[in-house]
């Protein structure tokens, strides 16, 4: 976590002076506030990662004597091929077109979207990939 912490620290320490310099050059409230909020967001992540890094054991990539083989193992769960995201995207496109052409099309898209979303959520409970 130490590398990630320092990446966000550098970003926070960069955006602070940049927001002040931006205000002095342009006198634009919108950009100055956006840069200041970006600095605060980076500082928030920096503080979280710093606090979290103190509580956990160092990872192999955080230690100078860490070996590549120490990081081996299960990386997580990666879902198999699925058609459900395509159907959800098509239903969302129908709903957006429904706002343009008529609410009746939005309602149809929302109804089909509920079916597609429930299919995507429950795809591991039935069929080929059931657990």
N, C-alpha and C. Protein backbone atom coordinates (compact mmCIF):
# COMPACT_ATOMS: atom_id res chain seq x y z
N UNK A 1 0.81 -1.20 0.00
CA UNK A 1 0.00 0.00 0.00
C UNK A 1 0.86 1.26 0.00
N UNK A 2 2.13 1.11 0.27
CA UNK A 2 2.96 2.31 0.39
C UNK A 2 3.13 3.01 -0.95
N UNK A 3 3.26 2.27 -2.02
CA UNK A 3 3.41 2.89 -3.34
C UNK A 3 2.14 3.65 -3.71
N UNK A 4 1.01 3.04 -3.49
CA UNK A 4 -0.26 3.69 -3.80
C UNK A 4 -0.45 4.94 -2.94
N UNK A 5 -0.05 4.85 -1.68
CA UNK A 5 -0.18 6.00 -0.79
C UNK A 5 0.62 7.18 -1.32
N UNK A 6 1.85 6.93 -1.77
CA UNK A 6 2.68 8.02 -2.26
C UNK A 6 2.22 8.56 -3.60
N UNK A 7 1.59 7.75 -4.41
CA UNK A 7 1.02 8.26 -5.67
C UNK A 7 -0.05 9.30 -5.37
N UNK A 8 -0.95 8.99 -4.44
CA UNK A 8 -2.01 9.94 -4.10
C UNK A 8 -1.45 11.13 -3.32
N UNK A 9 -0.39 10.93 -2.56
CA UNK A 9 0.24 12.05 -1.85
C UNK A 9 0.82 13.05 -2.84
N UNK A 10 1.49 12.55 -3.87
CA UNK A 10 2.06 13.43 -4.89
C UNK A 10 0.96 14.18 -5.62
N UNK A 11 -0.13 13.49 -5.92
CA UNK A 11 -1.26 14.15 -6.59
C UNK A 11 -1.86 15.25 -5.71
N UNK A 12 -2.06 14.96 -4.43
CA UNK A 12 -2.64 15.96 -3.53
C UNK A 12 -1.71 17.15 -3.38
N UNK A 13 -0.43 16.89 -3.24
CA UNK A 13 0.52 17.98 -3.08
C UNK A 13 0.72 18.76 -4.38
N UNK A 14 0.39 18.19 -5.50
CA UNK A 14 0.46 18.90 -6.77
C UNK A 14 -0.77 19.79 -6.98
N UNK A 15 -1.96 19.24 -6.70
CA UNK A 15 -3.19 19.99 -6.97
C UNK A 15 -3.40 21.16 -6.02
N UNK A 16 -2.81 21.14 -4.83
CA UNK A 16 -2.95 22.27 -3.91
C UNK A 16 -2.36 23.56 -4.47
N UNK A 17 -1.06 23.58 -4.79
CA UNK A 17 -0.49 24.79 -5.38
C UNK A 17 -1.06 25.14 -6.75
N UNK A 18 -1.43 24.13 -7.52
CA UNK A 18 -2.00 24.41 -8.84
C UNK A 18 -3.33 25.14 -8.71
N UNK A 19 -4.14 24.76 -7.72
CA UNK A 19 -5.42 25.45 -7.55
C UNK A 19 -5.21 26.90 -7.13
N UNK A 20 -4.23 27.14 -6.27
CA UNK A 20 -3.93 28.52 -5.87
C UNK A 20 -3.40 29.32 -7.06
N UNK A 21 -2.49 28.75 -7.82
CA UNK A 21 -1.95 29.42 -9.00
C UNK A 21 -3.05 29.68 -10.03
N UNK A 22 -3.94 28.73 -10.21
CA UNK A 22 -5.05 28.89 -11.15
C UNK A 22 -5.95 30.06 -10.74
N UNK A 23 -6.21 30.19 -9.45
CA UNK A 23 -7.04 31.30 -8.97
C UNK A 23 -6.34 32.64 -9.22
N UNK A 24 -5.04 32.69 -8.96
CA UNK A 24 -4.31 33.94 -9.15
C UNK A 24 -4.24 34.35 -10.61
N UNK A 25 -4.19 33.39 -11.51
CA UNK A 25 -4.08 33.71 -12.93
C UNK A 25 -5.44 34.02 -13.55
N UNK A 26 -6.47 33.24 -13.23
CA UNK A 26 -7.74 33.36 -13.96
C UNK A 26 -8.87 34.01 -13.18
N UNK A 27 -8.83 33.97 -11.84
CA UNK A 27 -9.94 34.44 -11.00
C UNK A 27 -11.26 33.72 -11.32
N UNK A 28 -11.16 32.46 -11.72
CA UNK A 28 -12.32 31.64 -12.09
C UNK A 28 -12.67 30.74 -10.91
N UNK A 29 -13.89 30.92 -10.38
CA UNK A 29 -14.32 30.14 -9.23
C UNK A 29 -14.52 28.67 -9.57
N UNK A 30 -15.07 28.41 -10.74
CA UNK A 30 -15.42 27.03 -11.08
C UNK A 30 -14.18 26.13 -11.16
N UNK A 31 -13.19 26.54 -11.90
CA UNK A 31 -11.97 25.75 -12.03
C UNK A 31 -11.20 25.65 -10.74
N UNK A 32 -11.19 26.75 -9.98
CA UNK A 32 -10.47 26.73 -8.70
C UNK A 32 -11.11 25.76 -7.72
N UNK A 33 -12.43 25.79 -7.64
CA UNK A 33 -13.12 24.86 -6.74
C UNK A 33 -12.93 23.42 -7.22
N UNK A 34 -12.97 23.19 -8.54
CA UNK A 34 -12.77 21.83 -9.06
C UNK A 34 -11.37 21.32 -8.73
N UNK A 35 -10.36 22.18 -8.87
CA UNK A 35 -9.00 21.76 -8.53
C UNK A 35 -8.84 21.55 -7.03
N UNK A 36 -9.47 22.41 -6.23
CA UNK A 36 -9.39 22.24 -4.78
C UNK A 36 -10.08 20.95 -4.34
N UNK A 37 -11.22 20.65 -4.93
CA UNK A 37 -11.91 19.40 -4.59
C UNK A 37 -11.11 18.18 -5.04
N UNK A 38 -10.42 18.30 -6.18
CA UNK A 38 -9.55 17.22 -6.63
C UNK A 38 -8.41 17.00 -5.64
N UNK A 39 -7.85 18.10 -5.13
CA UNK A 39 -6.80 17.99 -4.13
C UNK A 39 -7.33 17.33 -2.86
N UNK A 40 -8.53 17.72 -2.43
CA UNK A 40 -9.11 17.12 -1.22
C UNK A 40 -9.44 15.64 -1.41
N UNK A 41 -9.91 15.28 -2.60
CA UNK A 41 -10.19 13.87 -2.88
C UNK A 41 -8.91 13.03 -2.84
N UNK A 42 -7.85 13.54 -3.47
CA UNK A 42 -6.57 12.82 -3.44
C UNK A 42 -6.03 12.74 -2.02
N UNK A 43 -6.21 13.80 -1.23
CA UNK A 43 -5.75 13.79 0.16
C UNK A 43 -6.55 12.79 0.99
N UNK A 44 -7.84 12.66 0.70
CA UNK A 44 -8.67 11.70 1.42
C UNK A 44 -8.21 10.26 1.14
N UNK A 45 -7.95 9.95 -0.12
CA UNK A 45 -7.48 8.61 -0.47
C UNK A 45 -6.09 8.38 0.12
N UNK A 46 -5.25 9.41 0.10
CA UNK A 46 -3.92 9.33 0.70
C UNK A 46 -4.02 8.99 2.18
N UNK A 47 -4.89 9.67 2.90
CA UNK A 47 -5.05 9.41 4.33
C UNK A 47 -5.59 8.01 4.59
N UNK A 48 -6.54 7.58 3.77
CA UNK A 48 -7.11 6.23 3.95
C UNK A 48 -6.04 5.16 3.72
N UNK A 49 -5.31 5.29 2.61
CA UNK A 49 -4.29 4.28 2.31
C UNK A 49 -3.18 4.31 3.34
N UNK A 50 -2.84 5.50 3.86
CA UNK A 50 -1.82 5.58 4.90
C UNK A 50 -2.25 4.90 6.18
N UNK A 51 -3.51 5.11 6.57
CA UNK A 51 -4.02 4.47 7.78
C UNK A 51 -4.16 2.96 7.59
N UNK A 52 -4.58 2.55 6.41
CA UNK A 52 -4.76 1.13 6.14
C UNK A 52 -3.41 0.41 6.04
N UNK A 53 -2.40 1.09 5.48
CA UNK A 53 -1.08 0.46 5.32
C UNK A 53 -0.42 0.20 6.67
N UNK A 54 -0.72 1.03 7.67
CA UNK A 54 -0.13 0.81 9.00
C UNK A 54 -0.74 -0.41 9.69
N UNK A 55 -1.97 -0.75 9.37
CA UNK A 55 -2.67 -1.83 10.06
C UNK A 55 -2.39 -3.21 9.45
N UNK A 56 -1.96 -3.26 8.20
CA UNK A 56 -1.79 -4.56 7.55
C UNK A 56 -0.31 -4.90 7.38
N UNK A 57 -0.06 -6.19 7.22
CA UNK A 57 1.31 -6.64 6.98
C UNK A 57 1.75 -6.19 5.59
N UNK A 58 3.03 -5.89 5.43
CA UNK A 58 3.49 -5.45 4.11
C UNK A 58 3.33 -6.54 3.07
N UNK A 59 2.88 -6.14 1.90
CA UNK A 59 2.76 -7.08 0.79
C UNK A 59 4.15 -7.34 0.22
N UNK A 60 4.31 -8.40 -0.59
CA UNK A 60 5.64 -8.68 -1.16
C UNK A 60 6.17 -7.50 -2.00
N UNK A 61 5.30 -6.80 -2.69
CA UNK A 61 5.77 -5.68 -3.51
C UNK A 61 6.11 -4.45 -2.68
N UNK A 62 5.75 -4.43 -1.40
CA UNK A 62 6.09 -3.32 -0.53
C UNK A 62 7.43 -3.52 0.18
N UNK A 63 7.94 -4.74 0.16
CA UNK A 63 9.19 -5.04 0.84
C UNK A 63 10.34 -5.08 -0.16
N UNK A 64 11.54 -4.70 0.29
CA UNK A 64 12.70 -4.75 -0.59
C UNK A 64 13.17 -6.18 -0.83
N UNK A 65 12.91 -7.09 0.13
CA UNK A 65 13.35 -8.48 -0.02
C UNK A 65 12.23 -9.38 -0.53
N UNK A 66 11.14 -8.81 -1.01
CA UNK A 66 10.00 -9.60 -1.49
C UNK A 66 10.32 -10.33 -2.78
N UNK A 67 9.84 -11.55 -2.88
CA UNK A 67 10.03 -12.37 -4.08
C UNK A 67 8.74 -12.40 -4.90
N UNK A 68 8.88 -12.62 -6.18
CA UNK A 68 7.72 -12.70 -7.06
C UNK A 68 6.84 -13.87 -6.68
N UNK A 69 7.45 -14.98 -6.28
CA UNK A 69 6.67 -16.17 -5.95
C UNK A 69 5.80 -15.98 -4.72
N UNK A 70 6.11 -15.01 -3.86
CA UNK A 70 5.29 -14.75 -2.69
C UNK A 70 3.93 -14.17 -3.06
N UNK A 71 3.85 -13.53 -4.20
CA UNK A 71 2.58 -12.95 -4.64
C UNK A 71 1.73 -13.91 -5.43
N UNK A 72 2.18 -15.16 -5.58
CA UNK A 72 1.42 -16.13 -6.35
C UNK A 72 0.21 -16.60 -5.56
N UNK A 73 -0.75 -17.11 -6.27
CA UNK A 73 -1.94 -17.63 -5.61
C UNK A 73 -3.19 -17.16 -6.33
N UNK A 74 -4.32 -17.37 -5.68
CA UNK A 74 -5.59 -16.99 -6.28
C UNK A 74 -5.72 -15.47 -6.31
N UNK A 75 -6.07 -14.95 -7.47
CA UNK A 75 -6.19 -13.51 -7.64
C UNK A 75 -7.62 -13.03 -7.47
N UNK A 76 -8.58 -13.93 -7.54
CA UNK A 76 -9.98 -13.53 -7.38
C UNK A 76 -10.87 -14.34 -8.29
N UNK A 77 -12.12 -13.94 -8.33
CA UNK A 77 -13.11 -14.62 -9.15
C UNK A 77 -13.37 -13.81 -10.41
N UNK A 78 -13.24 -14.45 -11.55
CA UNK A 78 -13.49 -13.81 -12.82
C UNK A 78 -14.65 -14.53 -13.50
N UNK A 79 -15.76 -13.85 -13.74
CA UNK A 79 -16.94 -14.52 -14.26
C UNK A 79 -16.73 -15.02 -15.69
N UNK A 80 -17.41 -16.09 -16.06
CA UNK A 80 -17.32 -16.60 -17.42
C UNK A 80 -18.11 -15.71 -18.39
N UNK A 81 -18.13 -16.11 -19.62
CA UNK A 81 -18.84 -15.40 -20.68
C UNK A 81 -20.32 -15.25 -20.34
N UNK A 82 -20.88 -14.05 -20.59
CA UNK A 82 -22.28 -13.81 -20.28
C UNK A 82 -22.89 -12.87 -21.31
N UNK A 83 -24.15 -13.14 -21.69
CA UNK A 83 -24.89 -12.28 -22.60
C UNK A 83 -25.70 -11.22 -21.86
N UNK A 84 -25.86 -11.34 -20.55
CA UNK A 84 -26.73 -10.43 -19.81
C UNK A 84 -26.31 -8.97 -19.84
N UNK A 85 -25.02 -8.62 -19.82
CA UNK A 85 -24.68 -7.20 -19.92
C UNK A 85 -25.14 -6.58 -21.24
N UNK A 86 -25.12 -7.34 -22.31
CA UNK A 86 -25.60 -6.83 -23.60
C UNK A 86 -27.08 -6.50 -23.53
N UNK A 87 -27.89 -7.39 -22.94
CA UNK A 87 -29.33 -7.15 -22.84
C UNK A 87 -29.62 -5.97 -21.92
N UNK A 88 -28.85 -5.83 -20.84
CA UNK A 88 -29.04 -4.68 -19.94
C UNK A 88 -28.72 -3.38 -20.66
N UNK A 89 -27.65 -3.38 -21.46
CA UNK A 89 -27.30 -2.17 -22.21
C UNK A 89 -28.35 -1.84 -23.26
N UNK A 90 -28.91 -2.85 -23.90
CA UNK A 90 -29.95 -2.59 -24.90
C UNK A 90 -31.21 -2.05 -24.24
N UNK A 91 -31.54 -2.54 -23.07
CA UNK A 91 -32.71 -2.02 -22.35
C UNK A 91 -32.48 -0.59 -21.90
N UNK A 92 -31.27 -0.28 -21.47
CA UNK A 92 -30.96 1.09 -21.10
C UNK A 92 -31.04 2.01 -22.31
N UNK A 93 -30.56 1.56 -23.46
CA UNK A 93 -30.67 2.37 -24.68
C UNK A 93 -32.13 2.59 -25.05
N UNK A 94 -32.96 1.58 -24.88
CA UNK A 94 -34.40 1.74 -25.15
C UNK A 94 -35.02 2.74 -24.18
N UNK A 95 -34.60 2.71 -22.92
CA UNK A 95 -35.14 3.67 -21.96
C UNK A 95 -34.71 5.10 -22.30
N UNK A 96 -33.47 5.29 -22.75
CA UNK A 96 -33.01 6.62 -23.13
C UNK A 96 -33.77 7.11 -24.36
N UNK A 97 -33.97 6.23 -25.31
CA UNK A 97 -34.77 6.61 -26.48
C UNK A 97 -36.22 6.86 -26.09
N UNK A 98 -36.69 6.21 -25.05
CA UNK A 98 -38.04 6.44 -24.57
C UNK A 98 -38.22 7.85 -24.03
N UNK A 99 -37.19 8.42 -23.45
CA UNK A 99 -37.27 9.81 -22.99
C UNK A 99 -37.41 10.75 -24.19
N UNK A 100 -36.79 10.39 -25.30
CA UNK A 100 -36.84 11.24 -26.50
C UNK A 100 -38.16 11.07 -27.23
N UNK A 101 -38.58 9.83 -27.49
CA UNK A 101 -39.71 9.56 -28.37
C UNK A 101 -41.05 9.41 -27.66
N UNK A 102 -41.04 8.96 -26.44
CA UNK A 102 -42.29 8.78 -25.72
C UNK A 102 -42.10 7.91 -24.50
N UNK A 103 -42.88 8.22 -23.46
CA UNK A 103 -42.73 7.51 -22.21
C UNK A 103 -43.16 6.06 -22.30
N UNK A 104 -43.99 5.72 -23.26
CA UNK A 104 -44.41 4.33 -23.44
C UNK A 104 -43.20 3.46 -23.77
N UNK A 105 -42.24 3.99 -24.55
CA UNK A 105 -41.03 3.23 -24.89
C UNK A 105 -40.12 3.10 -23.66
N UNK A 106 -40.09 4.13 -22.82
CA UNK A 106 -39.33 4.07 -21.57
C UNK A 106 -39.87 2.97 -20.66
N UNK A 107 -41.18 2.88 -20.58
CA UNK A 107 -41.80 1.87 -19.72
C UNK A 107 -41.51 0.46 -20.22
N UNK A 108 -41.55 0.28 -21.54
CA UNK A 108 -41.21 -1.03 -22.12
C UNK A 108 -39.75 -1.37 -21.81
N UNK A 109 -38.86 -0.40 -22.00
CA UNK A 109 -37.44 -0.62 -21.70
C UNK A 109 -37.19 -0.93 -20.24
N UNK A 110 -37.93 -0.24 -19.34
CA UNK A 110 -37.77 -0.50 -17.91
C UNK A 110 -38.26 -1.90 -17.54
N UNK A 111 -39.36 -2.32 -18.14
CA UNK A 111 -39.86 -3.67 -17.86
C UNK A 111 -38.90 -4.75 -18.34
N UNK A 112 -38.43 -4.60 -19.58
CA UNK A 112 -37.45 -5.57 -20.08
C UNK A 112 -36.13 -5.46 -19.33
N UNK A 113 -35.79 -4.24 -18.88
CA UNK A 113 -34.55 -4.05 -18.12
C UNK A 113 -34.60 -4.75 -16.77
N UNK A 114 -35.77 -4.78 -16.14
CA UNK A 114 -35.90 -5.49 -14.87
C UNK A 114 -35.65 -6.98 -15.07
N UNK A 115 -36.16 -7.52 -16.17
CA UNK A 115 -35.93 -8.94 -16.47
C UNK A 115 -34.46 -9.19 -16.77
N UNK A 116 -33.85 -8.31 -17.58
CA UNK A 116 -32.44 -8.49 -17.93
C UNK A 116 -31.53 -8.34 -16.72
N UNK A 117 -31.83 -7.38 -15.86
CA UNK A 117 -31.00 -7.18 -14.67
C UNK A 117 -31.14 -8.35 -13.70
N UNK A 118 -32.34 -8.86 -13.53
CA UNK A 118 -32.49 -10.02 -12.65
C UNK A 118 -31.82 -11.25 -13.25
N UNK A 119 -31.82 -11.38 -14.57
CA UNK A 119 -31.09 -12.47 -15.21
C UNK A 119 -29.60 -12.37 -14.97
N UNK A 120 -29.07 -11.14 -15.02
CA UNK A 120 -27.64 -10.94 -14.80
C UNK A 120 -27.27 -11.21 -13.35
N UNK A 121 -28.11 -10.78 -12.42
CA UNK A 121 -27.82 -10.97 -11.00
C UNK A 121 -27.88 -12.45 -10.63
N UNK A 122 -28.85 -13.17 -11.17
CA UNK A 122 -29.07 -14.55 -10.77
C UNK A 122 -28.50 -15.58 -11.75
N UNK A 123 -27.58 -15.19 -12.63
CA UNK A 123 -27.08 -16.14 -13.62
C UNK A 123 -26.24 -17.25 -13.00
N UNK A 124 -25.72 -17.06 -11.80
CA UNK A 124 -24.92 -18.12 -11.17
C UNK A 124 -25.77 -19.05 -10.32
N UNK A 125 -27.07 -18.88 -10.32
CA UNK A 125 -27.95 -19.73 -9.53
C UNK A 125 -28.68 -20.76 -10.38
N UNK A 126 -28.59 -20.63 -11.69
CA UNK A 126 -29.25 -21.58 -12.56
C UNK A 126 -28.44 -21.76 -13.83
N UNK A 127 -28.71 -22.83 -14.53
CA UNK A 127 -28.06 -23.06 -15.81
C UNK A 127 -26.66 -23.64 -15.68
N UNK A 128 -25.85 -23.33 -16.67
CA UNK A 128 -24.53 -23.94 -16.82
C UNK A 128 -23.56 -23.59 -15.69
N UNK A 129 -23.63 -22.36 -15.18
CA UNK A 129 -22.67 -21.90 -14.17
C UNK A 129 -23.25 -21.89 -12.77
N UNK A 130 -24.25 -22.70 -12.50
CA UNK A 130 -24.89 -22.73 -11.18
C UNK A 130 -23.92 -23.26 -10.13
N UNK A 131 -24.02 -22.70 -8.93
CA UNK A 131 -23.15 -23.13 -7.83
C UNK A 131 -23.92 -24.05 -6.92
